[in-house]
Amino acid sequence: PVQEGDGVAPPPLPPYQGLDHFGLTVENLDETVADLKSKGVLFTQAPHTLRPGVRGCFIRGPQNIAIEILERRAV
């Protein structure tokens, strides 16, 4: 259970459906992005480097759920 003072964000104000986002990992982010763009997927955050060895982006999923797509490589 989350206790007050644990450092997590407070719950969002209603109405709220209960899911902020979920993430998927892929082997090749550039290839995945090109495929998704060719299918008309809406990108809400362009691919970028999050930290060494990790690149990612966000797309808009059904019911406006954010989907994070990550590529992890050994550094």
N, C-alpha and C. Protein backbone atom coordinates (compact mmCIF):
# COMPACT_ATOMS: atom_id res chain seq x y z
N PRO A 1 0.83 -1.21 0.00
CA PRO A 1 0.00 0.00 0.00
C PRO A 1 0.86 1.26 0.00
N VAL A 2 0.38 2.28 -0.65
CA VAL A 2 1.07 3.56 -0.69
C VAL A 2 0.71 4.33 0.58
N GLN A 3 1.74 4.78 1.27
CA GLN A 3 1.54 5.55 2.49
C GLN A 3 1.85 7.01 2.23
N GLU A 4 1.18 7.91 2.92
CA GLU A 4 1.45 9.32 2.77
C GLU A 4 2.93 9.57 3.06
N GLY A 5 3.57 10.38 2.21
CA GLY A 5 4.98 10.67 2.39
C GLY A 5 5.91 9.73 1.65
N ASP A 6 5.37 8.74 0.93
CA ASP A 6 6.20 7.80 0.18
C ASP A 6 6.85 8.42 -1.05
N GLY A 7 6.42 9.63 -1.42
CA GLY A 7 7.02 10.29 -2.57
C GLY A 7 6.32 10.02 -3.89
N VAL A 8 5.17 9.38 -3.85
CA VAL A 8 4.42 9.16 -5.09
C VAL A 8 3.46 10.31 -5.32
N ALA A 9 3.09 10.52 -6.58
CA ALA A 9 2.17 11.59 -6.92
C ALA A 9 0.78 11.31 -6.35
N PRO A 10 0.05 12.35 -6.00
CA PRO A 10 -1.31 12.13 -5.52
C PRO A 10 -2.20 11.61 -6.64
N PRO A 11 -3.29 10.94 -6.32
CA PRO A 11 -4.18 10.44 -7.37
C PRO A 11 -4.78 11.59 -8.15
N PRO A 12 -5.06 11.38 -9.43
CA PRO A 12 -5.65 12.44 -10.23
C PRO A 12 -7.08 12.73 -9.80
N LEU A 13 -7.54 13.91 -10.15
CA LEU A 13 -8.91 14.29 -9.83
C LEU A 13 -9.88 13.55 -10.74
N PRO A 14 -11.08 13.25 -10.25
CA PRO A 14 -12.09 12.60 -11.10
C PRO A 14 -12.51 13.53 -12.23
N PRO A 15 -12.97 13.05 -13.35
CA PRO A 15 -13.11 11.62 -13.65
C PRO A 15 -11.78 11.01 -14.06
N TYR A 16 -11.51 9.83 -13.62
CA TYR A 16 -10.25 9.16 -13.90
C TYR A 16 -10.53 7.69 -14.13
N GLN A 17 -9.92 7.12 -15.18
CA GLN A 17 -10.20 5.73 -15.53
C GLN A 17 -9.27 4.73 -14.85
N GLY A 18 -8.21 5.19 -14.24
CA GLY A 18 -7.37 4.29 -13.47
C GLY A 18 -6.08 3.83 -14.12
N LEU A 19 -5.82 4.23 -15.37
CA LEU A 19 -4.59 3.81 -16.03
C LEU A 19 -3.93 5.04 -16.64
N ASP A 20 -2.71 5.33 -16.23
CA ASP A 20 -1.98 6.48 -16.76
C ASP A 20 -1.30 6.11 -18.07
N HIS A 21 -0.49 5.06 -18.05
CA HIS A 21 0.17 4.57 -19.25
C HIS A 21 0.72 3.18 -18.98
N PHE A 22 1.10 2.51 -20.06
CA PHE A 22 1.84 1.26 -19.92
C PHE A 22 2.96 1.28 -20.96
N GLY A 23 3.96 0.44 -20.75
CA GLY A 23 5.12 0.45 -21.62
C GLY A 23 5.38 -0.88 -22.28
N LEU A 24 5.99 -0.80 -23.45
CA LEU A 24 6.40 -1.98 -24.21
C LEU A 24 7.86 -1.79 -24.60
N THR A 25 8.62 -2.87 -24.65
CA THR A 25 10.00 -2.78 -25.13
C THR A 25 10.08 -3.40 -26.52
N VAL A 26 10.95 -2.81 -27.34
CA VAL A 26 11.16 -3.30 -28.70
C VAL A 26 12.66 -3.45 -28.94
N GLU A 27 13.02 -4.25 -29.94
CA GLU A 27 14.42 -4.45 -30.29
C GLU A 27 14.99 -3.25 -31.06
N ASN A 28 14.17 -2.65 -31.95
CA ASN A 28 14.65 -1.58 -32.81
C ASN A 28 13.61 -0.46 -32.82
N LEU A 29 13.86 0.59 -32.07
CA LEU A 29 12.89 1.68 -31.94
C LEU A 29 12.65 2.38 -33.28
N ASP A 30 13.71 2.65 -34.04
CA ASP A 30 13.55 3.35 -35.31
C ASP A 30 12.66 2.57 -36.28
N GLU A 31 12.86 1.27 -36.35
CA GLU A 31 12.05 0.42 -37.22
C GLU A 31 10.59 0.41 -36.75
N THR A 32 10.38 0.30 -35.46
CA THR A 32 9.04 0.28 -34.89
C THR A 32 8.33 1.60 -35.15
N VAL A 33 9.04 2.71 -34.95
CA VAL A 33 8.46 4.03 -35.17
C VAL A 33 8.05 4.19 -36.63
N ALA A 34 8.91 3.79 -37.55
CA ALA A 34 8.58 3.89 -38.97
C ALA A 34 7.33 3.08 -39.31
N ASP A 35 7.23 1.87 -38.76
CA ASP A 35 6.06 1.03 -39.01
C ASP A 35 4.79 1.67 -38.45
N LEU A 36 4.87 2.17 -37.22
CA LEU A 36 3.69 2.79 -36.61
C LEU A 36 3.27 4.06 -37.35
N LYS A 37 4.23 4.87 -37.77
CA LYS A 37 3.91 6.09 -38.53
C LYS A 37 3.23 5.74 -39.85
N SER A 38 3.68 4.67 -40.50
CA SER A 38 3.06 4.27 -41.77
C SER A 38 1.61 3.84 -41.58
N LYS A 39 1.25 3.50 -40.34
CA LYS A 39 -0.12 3.08 -40.03
C LYS A 39 -0.96 4.21 -39.45
N GLY A 40 -0.37 5.43 -39.38
CA GLY A 40 -1.11 6.59 -38.92
C GLY A 40 -1.21 6.75 -37.42
N VAL A 41 -0.35 6.09 -36.67
CA VAL A 41 -0.38 6.19 -35.21
C VAL A 41 0.03 7.61 -34.79
N LEU A 42 -0.65 8.16 -33.78
CA LEU A 42 -0.36 9.49 -33.27
C LEU A 42 0.74 9.41 -32.21
N PHE A 43 1.84 10.12 -32.46
CA PHE A 43 2.94 10.19 -31.51
C PHE A 43 2.75 11.42 -30.63
N THR A 44 2.73 11.23 -29.32
CA THR A 44 2.59 12.36 -28.40
C THR A 44 3.94 12.82 -27.87
N GLN A 45 4.96 11.99 -28.04
CA GLN A 45 6.33 12.37 -27.71
C GLN A 45 7.25 11.65 -28.68
N ALA A 46 8.04 12.42 -29.40
CA ALA A 46 8.94 11.86 -30.42
C ALA A 46 10.01 11.00 -29.76
N PRO A 47 10.58 10.07 -30.54
CA PRO A 47 11.67 9.25 -30.00
C PRO A 47 12.84 10.12 -29.53
N HIS A 48 13.37 9.79 -28.38
CA HIS A 48 14.49 10.53 -27.82
C HIS A 48 15.25 9.62 -26.85
N THR A 49 16.47 10.03 -26.51
CA THR A 49 17.29 9.29 -25.56
C THR A 49 16.90 9.71 -24.14
N LEU A 50 16.50 8.73 -23.35
CA LEU A 50 16.11 8.99 -21.96
C LEU A 50 17.34 9.01 -21.06
N ARG A 51 18.25 8.08 -21.31
CA ARG A 51 19.52 7.98 -20.60
C ARG A 51 20.39 7.05 -21.45
N PRO A 52 21.67 6.96 -21.18
CA PRO A 52 22.51 6.09 -22.00
C PRO A 52 21.96 4.67 -22.09
N GLY A 53 21.78 4.19 -23.31
CA GLY A 53 21.29 2.84 -23.53
C GLY A 53 19.78 2.71 -23.57
N VAL A 54 19.04 3.80 -23.33
CA VAL A 54 17.58 3.73 -23.32
C VAL A 54 17.00 4.86 -24.17
N ARG A 55 16.26 4.47 -25.20
CA ARG A 55 15.55 5.44 -26.03
C ARG A 55 14.07 5.11 -25.96
N GLY A 56 13.23 6.13 -26.12
CA GLY A 56 11.80 5.86 -26.04
C GLY A 56 10.96 6.94 -26.68
N CYS A 57 9.67 6.67 -26.75
CA CYS A 57 8.69 7.61 -27.26
C CYS A 57 7.33 7.23 -26.67
N PHE A 58 6.34 8.07 -26.91
CA PHE A 58 4.98 7.80 -26.47
C PHE A 58 4.04 7.90 -27.66
N ILE A 59 3.04 7.02 -27.69
CA ILE A 59 1.97 7.09 -28.68
C ILE A 59 0.63 7.13 -27.97
N ARG A 60 -0.38 7.57 -28.69
CA ARG A 60 -1.74 7.64 -28.14
C ARG A 60 -2.45 6.33 -28.45
N GLY A 61 -2.92 5.64 -27.42
CA GLY A 61 -3.62 4.38 -27.59
C GLY A 61 -5.13 4.57 -27.50
N PRO A 62 -5.86 3.47 -27.55
CA PRO A 62 -7.32 3.54 -27.41
C PRO A 62 -7.72 4.22 -26.11
N GLN A 63 -8.81 4.95 -26.14
CA GLN A 63 -9.34 5.68 -24.98
C GLN A 63 -8.31 6.65 -24.42
N ASN A 64 -7.43 7.16 -25.29
CA ASN A 64 -6.42 8.16 -24.93
C ASN A 64 -5.39 7.67 -23.91
N ILE A 65 -5.23 6.37 -23.80
CA ILE A 65 -4.21 5.83 -22.91
C ILE A 65 -2.84 6.02 -23.57
N ALA A 66 -1.88 6.51 -22.82
CA ALA A 66 -0.53 6.69 -23.34
C ALA A 66 0.20 5.35 -23.34
N ILE A 67 0.91 5.08 -24.44
CA ILE A 67 1.70 3.86 -24.55
C ILE A 67 3.15 4.28 -24.75
N GLU A 68 4.01 3.83 -23.85
CA GLU A 68 5.43 4.14 -23.92
C GLU A 68 6.13 2.99 -24.64
N ILE A 69 6.98 3.33 -25.59
CA ILE A 69 7.74 2.31 -26.33
C ILE A 69 9.21 2.57 -26.06
N LEU A 70 9.90 1.55 -25.55
CA LEU A 70 11.29 1.68 -25.14
C LEU A 70 12.19 0.70 -25.88
N GLU A 71 13.40 1.15 -26.15
CA GLU A 71 14.46 0.29 -26.67
C GLU A 71 15.60 0.37 -25.66
N ARG A 72 16.05 -0.78 -25.17
CA ARG A 72 17.14 -0.83 -24.20
C ARG A 72 18.32 -1.54 -24.84
N ARG A 73 19.49 -0.91 -24.73
CA ARG A 73 20.72 -1.48 -25.27
C ARG A 73 21.81 -1.41 -24.20
N ALA A 74 22.66 -2.40 -24.20
CA ALA A 74 23.79 -2.40 -23.26
C ALA A 74 24.72 -1.25 -23.59
N VAL A 75 25.21 -0.58 -22.57
CA VAL A 75 26.17 0.53 -22.79
C VAL A 75 27.54 0.17 -22.30
